[in-house]
């Protein structure tokens, strides 16, 4: 799964017009874009993470896996990257010991 992060992926903050006192609200977004030929892969991210959605971009040759629900971002997406980081650190330590 993570190998495909070579596509365009990011966390971003949208500032939206709102009926609040300030007239604006913020929305945290996680997005991964891939060429439209990879639609099956992108749809599989929705199934794998059990959150988000696939958005096809009209008149463009790409689509995006998008997660905007705050609880999904914190409990699923960020947690996934934290676990991935821990795994990478463990692999690095093992490889360092093997080289010694």
N, C-alpha and C. Protein backbone atom coordinates (compact mmCIF):
# COMPACT_ATOMS: atom_id res chain seq x y z
N UNK A 1 0.81 -1.20 0.00
CA UNK A 1 0.00 0.00 0.00
C UNK A 1 0.85 1.26 0.00
N UNK A 2 1.81 1.33 0.86
CA UNK A 2 2.56 2.56 1.05
C UNK A 2 3.42 2.88 -0.17
N UNK A 3 3.81 1.89 -0.94
CA UNK A 3 4.63 2.14 -2.12
C UNK A 3 3.97 3.14 -3.05
N UNK A 4 2.66 3.19 -3.06
CA UNK A 4 1.95 4.08 -3.96
C UNK A 4 1.86 5.51 -3.46
N UNK A 5 2.48 5.80 -2.33
CA UNK A 5 2.51 7.17 -1.84
C UNK A 5 3.40 8.03 -2.74
N UNK A 6 4.04 7.44 -3.72
CA UNK A 6 4.84 8.21 -4.67
C UNK A 6 3.97 9.11 -5.53
N UNK A 7 2.67 8.83 -5.59
CA UNK A 7 1.75 9.75 -6.24
C UNK A 7 1.70 11.00 -5.38
N UNK A 8 0.84 11.90 -5.72
CA UNK A 8 0.73 13.13 -4.93
C UNK A 8 -0.15 12.88 -3.72
N UNK A 9 0.40 13.04 -2.54
CA UNK A 9 -0.36 12.86 -1.31
C UNK A 9 -0.02 13.96 -0.33
N UNK A 10 -1.02 14.39 0.44
CA UNK A 10 -0.75 15.45 1.39
C UNK A 10 -1.85 15.59 2.43
N UNK A 11 -1.50 16.26 3.50
CA UNK A 11 -2.48 16.76 4.45
C UNK A 11 -2.63 18.24 4.12
N UNK A 12 -3.84 18.75 4.15
CA UNK A 12 -4.03 20.17 3.90
C UNK A 12 -5.18 20.69 4.75
N UNK A 13 -5.26 22.00 4.84
CA UNK A 13 -6.33 22.65 5.59
C UNK A 13 -7.12 23.51 4.62
N UNK A 14 -8.42 23.25 4.55
CA UNK A 14 -9.31 24.08 3.75
C UNK A 14 -9.94 25.13 4.65
N UNK A 15 -10.03 26.35 4.18
CA UNK A 15 -10.74 27.40 4.88
C UNK A 15 -12.03 27.64 4.10
N UNK A 16 -13.16 27.41 4.77
CA UNK A 16 -14.45 27.45 4.11
C UNK A 16 -15.31 28.58 4.66
N UNK A 17 -16.17 29.12 3.82
CA UNK A 17 -17.14 30.11 4.30
C UNK A 17 -18.11 29.39 5.22
N UNK A 18 -18.54 30.09 6.28
CA UNK A 18 -19.37 29.46 7.29
C UNK A 18 -20.36 30.48 7.86
N UNK A 19 -21.34 29.97 8.57
CA UNK A 19 -22.30 30.85 9.23
C UNK A 19 -21.89 31.14 10.67
N UNK A 20 -20.66 30.81 11.03
CA UNK A 20 -20.16 31.09 12.38
C UNK A 20 -19.89 32.59 12.53
N UNK A 21 -19.59 33.02 13.75
CA UNK A 21 -19.28 34.43 14.00
C UNK A 21 -18.16 34.95 13.11
N UNK A 22 -17.15 34.14 12.92
CA UNK A 22 -16.01 34.55 12.10
C UNK A 22 -16.30 34.50 10.61
N UNK A 23 -17.34 33.78 10.24
CA UNK A 23 -17.67 33.66 8.83
C UNK A 23 -16.85 32.64 8.08
N UNK A 24 -15.97 31.91 8.80
CA UNK A 24 -15.13 30.89 8.19
C UNK A 24 -14.97 29.71 9.14
N UNK A 25 -14.73 28.55 8.56
CA UNK A 25 -14.41 27.37 9.34
C UNK A 25 -13.22 26.68 8.66
N UNK A 26 -12.59 25.78 9.37
CA UNK A 26 -11.45 25.05 8.80
C UNK A 26 -11.78 23.57 8.71
N UNK A 27 -11.18 22.92 7.73
CA UNK A 27 -11.38 21.50 7.52
C UNK A 27 -10.03 20.86 7.22
N UNK A 28 -9.66 19.85 7.98
CA UNK A 28 -8.44 19.09 7.73
C UNK A 28 -8.75 18.02 6.69
N UNK A 29 -7.86 17.86 5.71
CA UNK A 29 -8.07 16.92 4.61
C UNK A 29 -6.80 16.11 4.39
N UNK A 30 -6.97 14.81 4.13
CA UNK A 30 -5.88 13.97 3.65
C UNK A 30 -6.27 13.54 2.25
N UNK A 31 -5.34 13.66 1.31
CA UNK A 31 -5.65 13.35 -0.08
C UNK A 31 -4.47 12.65 -0.74
N UNK A 32 -4.77 11.64 -1.56
CA UNK A 32 -3.77 11.00 -2.41
C UNK A 32 -4.32 11.02 -3.82
N UNK A 33 -3.55 11.54 -4.77
CA UNK A 33 -3.97 11.59 -6.17
C UNK A 33 -3.16 10.59 -6.98
N UNK A 34 -3.83 9.92 -7.89
CA UNK A 34 -3.19 8.97 -8.81
C UNK A 34 -3.84 9.09 -10.17
N UNK A 35 -3.14 8.66 -11.20
CA UNK A 35 -3.66 8.67 -12.56
C UNK A 35 -4.98 7.87 -12.60
N UNK A 36 -5.86 8.27 -13.47
CA UNK A 36 -7.18 7.63 -13.56
C UNK A 36 -7.09 6.14 -13.92
N UNK A 37 -6.00 5.70 -14.52
CA UNK A 37 -5.85 4.27 -14.81
C UNK A 37 -5.76 3.44 -13.53
N UNK A 38 -5.47 4.09 -12.40
CA UNK A 38 -5.33 3.40 -11.11
C UNK A 38 -6.59 3.50 -10.26
N UNK A 39 -7.75 3.63 -10.90
CA UNK A 39 -9.00 3.80 -10.16
C UNK A 39 -9.27 2.63 -9.21
N UNK A 40 -8.97 1.41 -9.63
CA UNK A 40 -9.20 0.24 -8.76
C UNK A 40 -8.35 0.33 -7.49
N UNK A 41 -7.10 0.75 -7.65
CA UNK A 41 -6.22 0.94 -6.50
C UNK A 41 -6.79 1.98 -5.55
N UNK A 42 -7.21 3.10 -6.11
CA UNK A 42 -7.73 4.19 -5.29
C UNK A 42 -9.01 3.78 -4.57
N UNK A 43 -9.88 3.06 -5.26
CA UNK A 43 -11.10 2.58 -4.61
C UNK A 43 -10.78 1.56 -3.52
N UNK A 44 -9.69 0.81 -3.71
CA UNK A 44 -9.30 -0.17 -2.69
C UNK A 44 -8.83 0.53 -1.40
N UNK A 45 -8.33 1.76 -1.51
CA UNK A 45 -7.95 2.51 -0.31
C UNK A 45 -9.18 2.79 0.56
N UNK A 46 -10.29 3.10 -0.08
CA UNK A 46 -11.54 3.33 0.66
C UNK A 46 -11.92 2.06 1.42
N UNK A 47 -11.80 0.91 0.77
CA UNK A 47 -12.12 -0.37 1.41
C UNK A 47 -11.12 -0.71 2.51
N UNK A 48 -9.84 -0.53 2.23
CA UNK A 48 -8.78 -0.88 3.19
C UNK A 48 -8.90 -0.06 4.47
N UNK A 49 -9.03 1.24 4.33
CA UNK A 49 -9.09 2.11 5.50
C UNK A 49 -10.49 2.23 6.09
N UNK A 50 -11.48 1.77 5.35
CA UNK A 50 -12.89 1.85 5.77
C UNK A 50 -13.28 3.29 6.11
N UNK A 51 -12.81 4.21 5.29
CA UNK A 51 -13.16 5.62 5.44
C UNK A 51 -12.81 6.34 4.15
N UNK A 52 -13.22 7.58 4.06
CA UNK A 52 -12.89 8.39 2.90
C UNK A 52 -13.73 8.04 1.69
N UNK A 53 -13.33 8.61 0.57
CA UNK A 53 -14.06 8.40 -0.68
C UNK A 53 -13.10 8.60 -1.85
N UNK A 54 -13.49 8.06 -2.99
CA UNK A 54 -12.74 8.29 -4.23
C UNK A 54 -13.47 9.35 -5.01
N UNK A 55 -12.74 10.36 -5.46
CA UNK A 55 -13.32 11.43 -6.26
C UNK A 55 -12.63 11.48 -7.61
N UNK A 56 -13.40 11.20 -8.66
CA UNK A 56 -12.89 11.31 -10.01
C UNK A 56 -12.91 12.78 -10.41
N UNK A 57 -11.87 13.26 -11.04
CA UNK A 57 -11.80 14.66 -11.45
C UNK A 57 -12.22 14.78 -12.91
N UNK A 58 -13.35 15.43 -13.13
CA UNK A 58 -13.86 15.62 -14.50
C UNK A 58 -12.85 16.39 -15.34
N UNK A 59 -12.70 15.96 -16.58
CA UNK A 59 -11.79 16.60 -17.54
C UNK A 59 -10.33 16.55 -17.10
N UNK A 60 -9.99 15.67 -16.16
CA UNK A 60 -8.61 15.50 -15.70
C UNK A 60 -8.25 14.03 -15.85
N UNK A 61 -6.98 13.72 -15.84
CA UNK A 61 -6.55 12.33 -15.98
C UNK A 61 -6.16 11.71 -14.63
N UNK A 62 -6.77 12.21 -13.56
CA UNK A 62 -6.47 11.66 -12.24
C UNK A 62 -7.72 11.67 -11.36
N UNK A 63 -7.62 10.95 -10.26
CA UNK A 63 -8.66 10.94 -9.24
C UNK A 63 -7.99 10.98 -7.89
N UNK A 64 -8.78 11.17 -6.83
CA UNK A 64 -8.21 11.30 -5.49
C UNK A 64 -8.94 10.46 -4.45
N UNK A 65 -8.17 9.88 -3.55
CA UNK A 65 -8.70 9.29 -2.33
C UNK A 65 -8.68 10.44 -1.33
N UNK A 66 -9.85 10.77 -0.75
CA UNK A 66 -9.96 11.93 0.12
C UNK A 66 -10.62 11.54 1.44
N UNK A 67 -10.01 11.97 2.55
CA UNK A 67 -10.58 11.77 3.88
C UNK A 67 -10.73 13.14 4.54
N UNK A 68 -11.95 13.45 4.98
CA UNK A 68 -12.19 14.75 5.62
C UNK A 68 -12.77 14.64 7.02
N UNK A 69 -13.30 13.49 7.38
CA UNK A 69 -13.89 13.33 8.71
C UNK A 69 -12.77 13.32 9.75
N UNK A 70 -12.86 14.26 10.69
CA UNK A 70 -11.77 14.45 11.65
C UNK A 70 -11.44 13.18 12.43
N UNK A 71 -12.47 12.46 12.90
CA UNK A 71 -12.20 11.24 13.68
C UNK A 71 -11.52 10.18 12.81
N UNK A 72 -11.86 10.09 11.53
CA UNK A 72 -11.17 9.14 10.64
C UNK A 72 -9.72 9.54 10.43
N UNK A 73 -9.47 10.83 10.31
CA UNK A 73 -8.10 11.31 10.14
C UNK A 73 -7.24 10.97 11.34
N UNK A 74 -7.77 11.23 12.55
CA UNK A 74 -6.95 11.01 13.75
C UNK A 74 -6.86 9.54 14.14
N UNK A 75 -7.95 8.80 14.04
CA UNK A 75 -7.96 7.41 14.50
C UNK A 75 -7.45 6.41 13.47
N UNK A 76 -7.60 6.74 12.19
CA UNK A 76 -7.24 5.77 11.15
C UNK A 76 -6.02 6.21 10.35
N UNK A 77 -6.08 7.36 9.72
CA UNK A 77 -5.01 7.78 8.80
C UNK A 77 -3.73 8.14 9.55
N UNK A 78 -3.81 9.02 10.52
CA UNK A 78 -2.61 9.41 11.27
C UNK A 78 -2.05 8.22 12.03
N UNK A 79 -2.94 7.40 12.59
CA UNK A 79 -2.49 6.19 13.29
C UNK A 79 -1.72 5.26 12.35
N UNK A 80 -2.18 5.13 11.11
CA UNK A 80 -1.50 4.31 10.12
C UNK A 80 -0.07 4.80 9.89
N UNK A 81 0.09 6.11 9.72
CA UNK A 81 1.43 6.66 9.49
C UNK A 81 2.32 6.55 10.74
N UNK A 82 1.73 6.66 11.91
CA UNK A 82 2.52 6.47 13.14
C UNK A 82 3.05 5.05 13.22
N UNK A 83 2.19 4.06 12.91
CA UNK A 83 2.62 2.66 12.92
C UNK A 83 3.68 2.41 11.85
N UNK A 84 3.51 3.01 10.71
CA UNK A 84 4.48 2.88 9.63
C UNK A 84 5.84 3.44 10.05
N UNK A 85 5.84 4.57 10.71
CA UNK A 85 7.07 5.18 11.20
C UNK A 85 7.76 4.25 12.19
N UNK A 86 6.99 3.68 13.13
CA UNK A 86 7.56 2.75 14.10
C UNK A 86 8.18 1.55 13.40
N UNK A 87 7.50 1.03 12.39
CA UNK A 87 8.02 -0.12 11.65
C UNK A 87 9.31 0.25 10.92
N UNK A 88 9.36 1.40 10.30
CA UNK A 88 10.56 1.84 9.60
C UNK A 88 11.74 2.01 10.54
N UNK A 89 11.48 2.51 11.75
CA UNK A 89 12.54 2.66 12.74
C UNK A 89 13.07 1.29 13.15
N UNK A 90 12.17 0.32 13.37
CA UNK A 90 12.59 -1.03 13.74
C UNK A 90 13.43 -1.67 12.63
N UNK A 91 12.98 -1.50 11.39
CA UNK A 91 13.74 -2.06 10.26
C UNK A 91 15.12 -1.42 10.18
N UNK A 92 15.19 -0.10 10.36
CA UNK A 92 16.47 0.59 10.33
C UNK A 92 17.40 0.06 11.43
N UNK A 93 16.88 -0.12 12.64
CA UNK A 93 17.71 -0.64 13.74
C UNK A 93 18.20 -2.04 13.45
N UNK A 94 17.36 -2.89 12.89
CA UNK A 94 17.77 -4.25 12.56
C UNK A 94 18.85 -4.23 11.49
N UNK A 95 18.66 -3.44 10.46
CA UNK A 95 19.66 -3.35 9.39
C UNK A 95 20.99 -2.77 9.91
N UNK A 96 20.91 -1.82 10.84
CA UNK A 96 22.12 -1.25 11.42
C UNK A 96 22.90 -2.31 12.18
N UNK A 97 22.19 -3.16 12.91
CA UNK A 97 22.86 -4.23 13.67
C UNK A 97 23.48 -5.25 12.74
N UNK A 98 22.81 -5.53 11.63
CA UNK A 98 23.34 -6.51 10.68
C UNK A 98 24.61 -6.00 10.00
N UNK A 99 24.72 -4.70 9.83
CA UNK A 99 25.90 -4.13 9.19
C UNK A 99 27.09 -4.03 10.15
N UNK A 100 26.82 -4.13 11.43
CA UNK A 100 27.91 -4.00 12.43
C UNK A 100 28.77 -5.22 12.47
